[in-house]
Each structure stands twice: as C-alpha cells, then as structure tokens.
N, C-alpha and C. Protein backbone atom coordinates (compact mmCIF):
# COMPACT_ATOMS: atom_id res chain seq x y z
N MET A 1 -65.87 -2.47 69.96
CA MET A 1 -64.69 -2.71 70.52
C MET A 1 -64.31 -2.51 71.75
N ALA A 2 -64.58 -2.79 72.53
CA ALA A 2 -63.19 -2.70 74.16
C ALA A 2 -61.97 -1.43 73.94
N ASP A 3 -60.72 -2.60 73.40
CA ASP A 3 -59.95 -2.06 73.43
C ASP A 3 -59.55 -1.57 72.03
N ARG A 4 -59.37 -0.83 70.61
CA ARG A 4 -59.28 -0.46 69.88
C ARG A 4 -58.00 -1.06 69.39
N PRO A 5 -57.70 -2.41 68.41
CA PRO A 5 -56.72 -3.35 68.37
C PRO A 5 -55.69 -2.16 67.79
N ALA A 6 -54.28 -2.76 67.59
CA ALA A 6 -52.89 -1.71 66.69
C ALA A 6 -53.40 -1.96 65.44
N ALA A 7 -53.44 -0.53 64.72
CA ALA A 7 -52.86 -0.54 63.29
C ALA A 7 -52.56 -1.91 62.32
N ILE A 8 -51.30 -2.79 63.08
CA ILE A 8 -50.13 -3.91 62.30
C ILE A 8 -51.08 -4.72 63.24
N GLU A 9 -52.01 -4.76 64.10
CA GLU A 9 -52.71 -6.21 64.75
C GLU A 9 -53.86 -6.35 63.34
N VAL A 10 -54.86 -5.37 63.39
CA VAL A 10 -56.07 -5.47 62.11
C VAL A 10 -55.45 -5.55 61.14
N GLN A 11 -54.11 -5.46 60.34
CA GLN A 11 -53.61 -5.65 59.51
C GLN A 11 -53.08 -6.83 58.84
N LYS A 12 -52.68 -7.79 60.28
CA LYS A 12 -52.06 -9.00 60.18
C LYS A 12 -53.57 -9.74 60.08
N TYR A 13 -54.58 -9.54 60.17
CA TYR A 13 -55.99 -10.33 59.53
C TYR A 13 -56.17 -9.87 57.81
N LEU A 14 -56.03 -8.48 57.46
CA LEU A 14 -55.97 -8.17 56.31
C LEU A 14 -55.07 -8.51 55.46
N GLY A 15 -53.91 -9.67 55.51
CA GLY A 15 -53.45 -10.06 54.26
C GLY A 15 -53.83 -10.55 53.21
N GLY A 16 -52.67 -9.96 51.99
CA GLY A 16 -53.67 -10.82 50.87
C GLY A 16 -54.68 -9.56 50.52
N VAL A 17 -55.42 -8.36 50.41
CA VAL A 17 -56.12 -7.75 50.85
C VAL A 17 -55.72 -6.77 49.76
N ASP A 18 -56.87 -6.89 48.44
CA ASP A 18 -55.96 -5.68 47.40
C ASP A 18 -56.95 -4.05 47.33
N TYR A 19 -56.68 -3.71 47.70
CA TYR A 19 -57.57 -2.05 47.66
C TYR A 19 -57.35 -1.95 46.52
N PRO A 20 -58.72 -1.39 46.44
CA PRO A 20 -59.84 -0.71 46.65
C PRO A 20 -60.25 -1.96 47.12
N VAL A 21 -61.30 -2.12 48.18
CA VAL A 21 -61.43 -3.56 48.40
C VAL A 21 -63.17 -3.24 49.05
N SER A 22 -64.38 -3.70 48.67
CA SER A 22 -66.00 -3.85 49.46
C SER A 22 -65.70 -4.59 50.50
N LYS A 23 -66.33 -4.19 51.34
CA LYS A 23 -66.73 -4.23 53.24
C LYS A 23 -67.34 -5.87 52.60
N ASP A 24 -67.68 -6.17 52.01
CA ASP A 24 -68.17 -7.94 52.04
C ASP A 24 -66.91 -8.18 51.89
N GLN A 25 -65.89 -7.83 51.61
CA GLN A 25 -64.74 -8.30 50.82
C GLN A 25 -63.33 -8.75 52.11
N LEU A 26 -63.40 -7.63 52.45
CA LEU A 26 -63.06 -7.23 53.69
C LEU A 26 -63.38 -8.58 55.24
N VAL A 27 -64.10 -8.68 55.31
CA VAL A 27 -64.96 -9.10 55.90
C VAL A 27 -65.25 -10.56 55.94
N SER A 28 -64.47 -11.26 54.87
CA SER A 28 -64.96 -12.26 54.47
C SER A 28 -63.20 -12.71 54.40
N THR A 29 -62.08 -11.84 54.15
CA THR A 29 -61.04 -12.24 54.20
C THR A 29 -60.60 -11.54 55.86
N ALA A 30 -61.06 -10.81 56.54
CA ALA A 30 -60.47 -11.25 58.19
C ALA A 30 -61.01 -12.58 58.02
N ARG A 31 -61.85 -12.74 58.50
CA ARG A 31 -62.42 -13.77 58.83
C ARG A 31 -61.56 -15.21 58.68
N GLU A 32 -61.16 -15.25 57.60
CA GLU A 32 -60.93 -16.23 56.52
C GLU A 32 -59.03 -16.99 57.34
N ASN A 33 -59.11 -15.45 57.62
CA ASN A 33 -57.77 -15.13 58.45
C ASN A 33 -57.49 -15.42 60.06
N GLY A 34 -59.14 -15.50 60.25
CA GLY A 34 -58.96 -16.10 62.36
C GLY A 34 -59.17 -14.58 62.87
N ALA A 35 -59.29 -13.51 62.64
CA ALA A 35 -59.92 -12.50 63.50
C ALA A 35 -60.50 -12.16 64.14
N PRO A 36 -60.43 -12.00 65.57
CA PRO A 36 -61.51 -12.05 66.53
C PRO A 36 -63.16 -11.61 65.89
N ASP A 37 -64.08 -12.17 66.84
CA ASP A 37 -65.11 -11.98 66.59
C ASP A 37 -65.47 -10.23 66.30
N ASP A 38 -64.55 -10.01 67.57
CA ASP A 38 -65.29 -8.41 67.96
C ASP A 38 -64.53 -7.20 66.09
N LEU A 39 -63.12 -7.97 66.20
CA LEU A 39 -62.86 -7.00 64.80
C LEU A 39 -63.98 -7.32 64.01
N VAL A 40 -64.63 -8.64 63.25
CA VAL A 40 -65.17 -9.29 62.42
C VAL A 40 -65.96 -7.78 62.29
N GLU A 41 -67.10 -8.49 64.11
CA GLU A 41 -68.03 -7.19 63.87
C GLU A 41 -67.81 -5.74 63.48
N ALA A 42 -66.84 -5.20 64.20
CA ALA A 42 -65.99 -3.79 63.85
C ALA A 42 -66.91 -3.57 62.28
N LEU A 43 -65.73 -4.10 61.72
CA LEU A 43 -66.15 -4.48 59.90
C LEU A 43 -67.29 -4.29 59.97
N GLU A 44 -68.27 -5.16 60.14
CA GLU A 44 -69.38 -5.51 59.45
C GLU A 44 -70.05 -3.99 59.72
N ASN A 45 -69.67 -3.64 61.04
CA ASN A 45 -71.11 -2.47 61.65
C ASN A 45 -70.27 -0.95 60.73
N SER A 46 -69.42 -1.43 60.23
CA SER A 46 -69.02 -0.29 59.77
C SER A 46 -69.56 1.10 58.59
N ASP A 47 -69.41 2.13 58.66
CA ASP A 47 -70.59 3.11 57.99
C ASP A 47 -69.87 3.01 56.42
N GLN A 48 -68.65 2.18 55.79
CA GLN A 48 -68.31 2.82 55.22
C GLN A 48 -68.71 1.36 54.25
N ASP A 49 -69.01 1.21 52.95
CA ASP A 49 -69.03 -0.01 51.94
C ASP A 49 -68.23 -0.60 50.99
N SER A 50 -67.10 0.67 51.57
CA SER A 50 -65.76 0.17 50.79
C SER A 50 -64.24 0.87 51.33
N PHE A 51 -63.20 0.65 51.12
CA PHE A 51 -61.66 0.84 52.04
C PHE A 51 -61.35 0.81 50.48
N ASP A 52 -60.35 2.33 50.47
CA ASP A 52 -59.46 2.66 49.45
C ASP A 52 -58.20 2.08 49.71
N ALA A 53 -57.92 2.09 51.09
CA ALA A 53 -56.55 1.89 52.17
C ALA A 53 -56.90 1.36 53.21
N PRO A 54 -55.19 0.95 53.67
CA PRO A 54 -55.19 0.60 55.28
C PRO A 54 -55.61 0.93 56.47
N THR A 55 -55.57 2.38 55.70
CA THR A 55 -55.91 3.67 56.85
C THR A 55 -57.44 4.41 57.08
N ASP A 56 -57.99 3.87 56.02
CA ASP A 56 -59.26 3.90 56.13
C ASP A 56 -59.91 3.21 56.66
N VAL A 57 -59.30 1.63 57.20
CA VAL A 57 -59.69 0.46 57.71
C VAL A 57 -59.69 1.36 59.11
N SER A 58 -58.63 1.70 59.12
CA SER A 58 -57.87 2.23 60.68
C SER A 58 -59.80 3.03 61.34
N SER A 59 -59.14 4.01 60.44
CA SER A 59 -60.09 5.00 60.67
C SER A 59 -61.77 4.41 61.04
N ALA A 60 -61.80 3.71 59.95
CA ALA A 60 -63.49 3.47 60.27
C ALA A 60 -63.72 2.53 61.26
N LEU A 61 -62.67 1.88 62.02
CA LEU A 61 -63.01 1.02 63.66
C LEU A 61 -62.05 2.07 64.34
N ALA A 62 -61.85 3.44 63.59
CA ALA A 62 -60.97 4.53 65.25
C ALA A 62 -62.78 4.95 65.27
N GLY A 63 -63.73 4.67 64.36
CA GLY A 63 -64.92 5.88 64.45
C GLY A 63 -64.53 7.13 63.84
N GLU A 64 -64.46 7.51 63.46
CA GLU A 64 -63.34 8.48 62.59
C GLU A 64 -64.41 9.20 61.48
C-alpha cells in the first residue's frame, strides 16, 4: 500500500471481528465491509496466519 491507512480506518472495515481471528476470516470480513482492494491485498499478503488483537493487524500492515 502506498500510504499506510490509519488504524481507525482499517478497523472501520473490520467491524464485528472477534479476536483472535484467522487471516482468511479477516480478509473475508474486510471484503464484506467494502474495504479497498489495496487493503484486502495487504491483509492477504501478510506473513501472519492469525491475529490476536487489532494491534496485530496494524503491525502486520506496517510490515513490522
């Protein structure tokens, strides 16, 4: 992603997620909530297979 989205923007597309969550479920939820393609692709390309909290998602998208 050219510009990393703000954490609040990312979480807008992940509303209703119960953590921990698998990457597949996170991607599915993002798509269902109308996330932009670049955000969905970034989630799909993440090295993590699961996420324990919203901060894990932010870290993964930041490449940390």
